[in-house]
Amino acid sequence: MSKSNLTKEDIAKNLTNLNGLSLSLSKKLVDDLLMILIKKIKNDNFNLKNIGTFKIRKKKERLGRNPKTNEEFVISSRKSLSFIASKKLTDLLNKNT
C-alpha cells in the first residue's frame, strides 16, 4: 500500500529522477518555489493559471464546545487558506482514462 502524503523530499527526488538534477539543487528549487507561493498568497488571492486559486479567508472569533465535556471556550479569530481548483484541472481529474 502506497502512502498518500507527498513531502517536499518526495518532490525533490522526483525532480532529480526526471531531470537528472542533483538532489541538493532539487531541494533548493522546491524550497524557493514554496517561498514564492507563500509570499504571493500572503499579499492577496493568488491564481495559478489552469490550476486554481488560493484565497485567504478571515474567520471571526466564535464560541466552541468540547464534545466530550461540553466545556465552552473561545476560538480566536484567524486566517485560513482555501483552494478552488480551476475548471481545466477539475475536467482533467474527472476525465476517464
Foldseek 3Di string as FASTA:
>chain_A
DDDDDDDLQNQLVVCCVVPVDDSVVSSVVSVVVVVVVVVVAVVAWDADPQFWIKGKDKAQKDWDADVVPRDIDIDHIDIDIDIDTDPNVVCVVPDDD
